[in-house]
Structures are given as C-alpha cells and as structure tokens.
Amino acid sequence: MAKMTVRSTFALDRETVDSLDRLARRWQVSKSEALRRVVNVASAVEEMDASSDALAALDELQQLLALDEERAEAWVQRIRAERATSQP
C-alpha cells in the first residue's frame, strides 16, 4: 500500500462514487487505493498520448523534409563516416 502523505477532499457525483466503490470491492482494496490506481493508469495513458503526439510530429517533419527510408539511411551512413574520421 502506498504511504499516505497528503489528505484531500473531493466532491464527486454519485455515479463516480458508485464506480469507485465497485472497483474497490472488485480489487479488494480501499477506495483510496482504487483511486490511486485509477489516477496512475490515467497518467500512464496520458504519457502514451503525449509520446504519440511526438511521433506524429516526427512523422510530419519527415514528410515535410521528404525524408524517406533511403535518404534517412544515407544520412546515417554519412554521419557514421564523419564520426569515424574524427576519432583520435
């Protein structure tokens, strides 16, 4: 169980309270623990959405630069060659 460090009061509608009660019973944990789990999962999903946004931005940039697989590989080879020649 997580170590409690902050107490908070929330006003929730009846439907949300009922859902929280059902989850807590199903998972056999306190309502606080059920709420912590739900918040953690929602946070993880949000992070995945943010990374999806970053990937979408990268895709858009690659399209704007007309960066196909062949051009990208040529760039990688060029960079590797430059690094190899600059090594002491």
N, C-alpha and C. Protein backbone atom coordinates (compact mmCIF):
# COMPACT_ATOMS: atom_id res chain seq x y z
N MET A 1 0.84 -1.18 0.00
CA MET A 1 0.00 0.00 0.00
C MET A 1 0.88 1.24 0.00
N ALA A 2 0.46 2.27 -0.71
CA ALA A 2 1.24 3.50 -0.79
C ALA A 2 1.25 4.21 0.55
N LYS A 3 2.34 4.86 0.84
CA LYS A 3 2.45 5.63 2.08
C LYS A 3 1.67 6.92 1.91
N MET A 4 0.72 7.16 2.79
CA MET A 4 -0.12 8.35 2.68
C MET A 4 0.68 9.56 3.14
N THR A 5 0.73 10.58 2.29
CA THR A 5 1.44 11.79 2.64
C THR A 5 0.56 13.03 2.57
N VAL A 6 -0.55 12.97 1.83
CA VAL A 6 -1.43 14.12 1.67
C VAL A 6 -2.87 13.66 1.79
N ARG A 7 -3.64 14.35 2.58
CA ARG A 7 -5.09 14.09 2.64
C ARG A 7 -5.78 15.14 1.80
N SER A 8 -6.77 14.71 1.02
CA SER A 8 -7.51 15.63 0.16
C SER A 8 -8.99 15.33 0.25
N THR A 9 -9.78 16.33 -0.01
CA THR A 9 -11.22 16.18 -0.04
C THR A 9 -11.69 16.51 -1.44
N PHE A 10 -12.54 15.63 -2.00
CA PHE A 10 -13.07 15.83 -3.33
C PHE A 10 -14.58 15.74 -3.30
N ALA A 11 -15.21 16.48 -4.15
CA ALA A 11 -16.65 16.37 -4.34
C ALA A 11 -16.88 15.58 -5.63
N LEU A 12 -17.48 14.40 -5.50
CA LEU A 12 -17.71 13.53 -6.65
C LEU A 12 -19.20 13.31 -6.83
N ASP A 13 -19.61 13.14 -8.07
CA ASP A 13 -21.01 12.84 -8.33
C ASP A 13 -21.31 11.40 -7.92
N ARG A 14 -22.57 11.07 -7.75
CA ARG A 14 -22.99 9.76 -7.25
C ARG A 14 -22.49 8.64 -8.15
N GLU A 15 -22.56 8.83 -9.46
CA GLU A 15 -22.14 7.79 -10.40
C GLU A 15 -20.65 7.46 -10.22
N THR A 16 -19.83 8.49 -10.05
CA THR A 16 -18.40 8.29 -9.86
C THR A 16 -18.12 7.58 -8.54
N VAL A 17 -18.82 7.97 -7.49
CA VAL A 17 -18.65 7.32 -6.18
C VAL A 17 -19.05 5.85 -6.27
N ASP A 18 -20.15 5.57 -6.95
CA ASP A 18 -20.58 4.18 -7.10
C ASP A 18 -19.55 3.36 -7.89
N SER A 19 -19.00 3.96 -8.94
CA SER A 19 -17.97 3.27 -9.72
C SER A 19 -16.73 3.01 -8.88
N LEU A 20 -16.34 3.99 -8.09
CA LEU A 20 -15.17 3.83 -7.22
C LEU A 20 -15.42 2.73 -6.19
N ASP A 21 -16.61 2.71 -5.62
CA ASP A 21 -16.97 1.65 -4.66
C ASP A 21 -16.88 0.27 -5.31
N ARG A 22 -17.43 0.14 -6.53
CA ARG A 22 -17.39 -1.15 -7.22
C ARG A 22 -15.96 -1.60 -7.50
N LEU A 23 -15.13 -0.66 -7.97
CA LEU A 23 -13.73 -1.00 -8.24
C LEU A 23 -13.01 -1.43 -6.96
N ALA A 24 -13.21 -0.70 -5.90
CA ALA A 24 -12.55 -1.03 -4.62
C ALA A 24 -12.97 -2.42 -4.14
N ARG A 25 -14.24 -2.73 -4.26
CA ARG A 25 -14.71 -4.07 -3.86
C ARG A 25 -14.12 -5.15 -4.76
N ARG A 26 -14.15 -4.92 -6.06
CA ARG A 26 -13.65 -5.91 -7.01
C ARG A 26 -12.16 -6.17 -6.80
N TRP A 27 -11.40 -5.11 -6.55
CA TRP A 27 -9.95 -5.24 -6.36
C TRP A 27 -9.58 -5.57 -4.92
N GLN A 28 -10.57 -5.56 -4.04
CA GLN A 28 -10.38 -5.83 -2.60
C GLN A 28 -9.34 -4.90 -1.99
N VAL A 29 -9.53 -3.61 -2.27
CA VAL A 29 -8.67 -2.57 -1.72
C VAL A 29 -9.54 -1.44 -1.21
N SER A 30 -8.92 -0.49 -0.51
CA SER A 30 -9.66 0.68 -0.05
C SER A 30 -10.04 1.56 -1.24
N LYS A 31 -10.99 2.45 -1.01
CA LYS A 31 -11.36 3.39 -2.07
C LYS A 31 -10.18 4.29 -2.41
N SER A 32 -9.39 4.65 -1.41
CA SER A 32 -8.21 5.48 -1.68
C SER A 32 -7.23 4.76 -2.59
N GLU A 33 -7.00 3.46 -2.33
CA GLU A 33 -6.08 2.69 -3.17
C GLU A 33 -6.65 2.54 -4.58
N ALA A 34 -7.96 2.31 -4.68
CA ALA A 34 -8.58 2.20 -6.01
C ALA A 34 -8.41 3.51 -6.77
N LEU A 35 -8.63 4.62 -6.11
CA LEU A 35 -8.48 5.92 -6.75
C LEU A 35 -7.02 6.15 -7.17
N ARG A 36 -6.06 5.76 -6.32
CA ARG A 36 -4.64 5.88 -6.68
C ARG A 36 -4.34 5.09 -7.95
N ARG A 37 -4.86 3.86 -8.01
CA ARG A 37 -4.61 3.02 -9.19
C ARG A 37 -5.19 3.64 -10.45
N VAL A 38 -6.40 4.16 -10.34
CA VAL A 38 -7.05 4.77 -11.50
C VAL A 38 -6.27 5.99 -11.97
N VAL A 39 -5.83 6.81 -11.03
CA VAL A 39 -5.06 8.00 -11.40
C VAL A 39 -3.73 7.60 -12.04
N ASN A 40 -3.08 6.58 -11.51
CA ASN A 40 -1.81 6.12 -12.10
C ASN A 40 -2.00 5.62 -13.52
N VAL A 41 -3.06 4.86 -13.76
CA VAL A 41 -3.32 4.36 -15.11
C VAL A 41 -3.65 5.51 -16.05
N ALA A 42 -4.48 6.45 -15.60
CA ALA A 42 -4.83 7.60 -16.44
C ALA A 42 -3.58 8.41 -16.77
N SER A 43 -2.69 8.55 -15.82
CA SER A 43 -1.45 9.28 -16.05
C SER A 43 -0.58 8.57 -17.08
N ALA A 44 -0.49 7.26 -16.99
CA ALA A 44 0.30 6.48 -17.95
C ALA A 44 -0.29 6.60 -19.35
N VAL A 45 -1.61 6.56 -19.45
CA VAL A 45 -2.27 6.70 -20.75
C VAL A 45 -1.99 8.09 -21.32
N GLU A 46 -2.03 9.09 -20.49
CA GLU A 46 -1.75 10.46 -20.92
C GLU A 46 -0.32 10.57 -21.45
N GLU A 47 0.62 9.93 -20.78
CA GLU A 47 2.01 9.95 -21.25
C GLU A 47 2.14 9.25 -22.59
N MET A 48 1.40 8.15 -22.77
CA MET A 48 1.43 7.46 -24.07
C MET A 48 0.86 8.36 -25.16
N ASP A 49 -0.22 9.08 -24.83
CA ASP A 49 -0.80 10.01 -25.80
C ASP A 49 0.20 11.10 -26.17
N ALA A 50 0.94 11.60 -25.18
CA ALA A 50 1.93 12.64 -25.44
C ALA A 50 3.03 12.10 -26.35
N SER A 51 3.47 10.86 -26.11
CA SER A 51 4.51 10.30 -26.97
C SER A 51 3.95 10.05 -28.37
N SER A 52 2.67 9.71 -28.47
CA SER A 52 2.05 9.55 -29.78
C SER A 52 2.04 10.87 -30.52
N ASP A 53 1.78 11.97 -29.79
CA ASP A 53 1.82 13.30 -30.39
C ASP A 53 3.23 13.60 -30.90
N ALA A 54 4.24 13.22 -30.12
CA ALA A 54 5.62 13.45 -30.53
C ALA A 54 5.95 12.65 -31.78
N LEU A 55 5.50 11.41 -31.83
CA LEU A 55 5.73 10.59 -33.02
C LEU A 55 5.01 11.15 -34.23
N ALA A 56 3.81 11.66 -34.02
CA ALA A 56 3.07 12.27 -35.12
C ALA A 56 3.81 13.50 -35.63
N ALA A 57 4.38 14.29 -34.72
CA ALA A 57 5.15 15.46 -35.12
C ALA A 57 6.39 15.05 -35.91
N LEU A 58 7.05 13.97 -35.46
CA LEU A 58 8.22 13.47 -36.18
C LEU A 58 7.83 13.00 -37.58
N ASP A 59 6.74 12.28 -37.68
CA ASP A 59 6.26 11.83 -38.99
C ASP A 59 6.00 13.01 -39.91
N GLU A 60 5.37 14.05 -39.36
CA GLU A 60 5.06 15.23 -40.16
C GLU A 60 6.35 15.92 -40.63
N LEU A 61 7.32 16.03 -39.73
CA LEU A 61 8.60 16.63 -40.10
C LEU A 61 9.29 15.83 -41.20
N GLN A 62 9.28 14.51 -41.06
CA GLN A 62 9.90 13.67 -42.07
C GLN A 62 9.22 13.83 -43.42
N GLN A 63 7.92 13.97 -43.41
CA GLN A 63 7.19 14.18 -44.67
C GLN A 63 7.54 15.53 -45.28
N LEU A 64 7.62 16.56 -44.44
CA LEU A 64 7.96 17.90 -44.94
C LEU A 64 9.36 17.92 -45.55
N LEU A 65 10.27 17.14 -44.98
CA LEU A 65 11.65 17.08 -45.47
C LEU A 65 11.82 16.05 -46.59
N ALA A 66 10.73 15.39 -46.94
CA ALA A 66 10.78 14.31 -47.93
C ALA A 66 11.82 13.28 -47.52
N LEU A 67 11.84 12.96 -46.23
CA LEU A 67 12.82 12.03 -45.67
C LEU A 67 12.26 10.62 -45.73
N ASP A 68 12.60 9.91 -46.79
CA ASP A 68 12.18 8.52 -46.90
C ASP A 68 13.26 7.63 -46.30
N GLU A 69 13.03 6.35 -46.31
CA GLU A 69 13.96 5.41 -45.69
C GLU A 69 15.35 5.46 -46.34
N GLU A 70 15.38 5.58 -47.64
CA GLU A 70 16.66 5.61 -48.36
C GLU A 70 17.47 6.86 -47.99
N ARG A 71 16.82 8.01 -47.96
CA ARG A 71 17.52 9.26 -47.60
C ARG A 71 17.96 9.23 -46.14
N ALA A 72 17.14 8.67 -45.28
CA ALA A 72 17.50 8.57 -43.86
C ALA A 72 18.71 7.67 -43.68
N GLU A 73 18.75 6.56 -44.37
CA GLU A 73 19.88 5.64 -44.27
C GLU A 73 21.15 6.29 -44.82
N ALA A 74 21.04 7.04 -45.89
CA ALA A 74 22.20 7.75 -46.45
C ALA A 74 22.74 8.76 -45.44
N TRP A 75 21.82 9.45 -44.74
CA TRP A 75 22.24 10.40 -43.71
C TRP A 75 22.98 9.68 -42.59
N VAL A 76 22.44 8.54 -42.13
CA VAL A 76 23.08 7.77 -41.06
C VAL A 76 24.48 7.35 -41.48
N GLN A 77 24.64 6.87 -42.71
CA GLN A 77 25.95 6.44 -43.19
C GLN A 77 26.93 7.61 -43.26
N ARG A 78 26.45 8.77 -43.69
CA ARG A 78 27.29 9.96 -43.77
C ARG A 78 27.78 10.36 -42.37
N ILE A 79 26.88 10.36 -41.41
CA ILE A 79 27.23 10.73 -40.03
C ILE A 79 28.23 9.73 -39.45
N ARG A 80 28.00 8.45 -39.69
CA ARG A 80 28.92 7.42 -39.18
C ARG A 80 30.32 7.61 -39.78
N ALA A 81 30.38 7.92 -41.06
CA ALA A 81 31.67 8.14 -41.71
C ALA A 81 32.38 9.36 -41.12
N GLU A 82 31.61 10.43 -40.88
CA GLU A 82 32.20 11.63 -40.27
C GLU A 82 32.74 11.33 -38.87
N ARG A 83 31.97 10.58 -38.10
CA ARG A 83 32.42 10.23 -36.75
C ARG A 83 33.67 9.35 -36.78
N ALA A 84 33.71 8.43 -37.73
CA ALA A 84 34.87 7.54 -37.84
C ALA A 84 36.13 8.30 -38.18
N THR A 85 36.01 9.31 -39.03
CA THR A 85 37.20 10.07 -39.43
C THR A 85 37.62 11.07 -38.35
N SER A 86 36.71 11.44 -37.46
CA SER A 86 37.06 12.42 -36.41
C SER A 86 37.53 11.77 -35.12
N GLN A 87 37.56 10.43 -35.08
CA GLN A 87 38.02 9.71 -33.89
C GLN A 87 39.54 9.83 -33.77
N PRO A 88 40.06 10.07 -32.55
CA PRO A 88 41.52 10.17 -32.37
C PRO A 88 42.23 8.85 -32.53
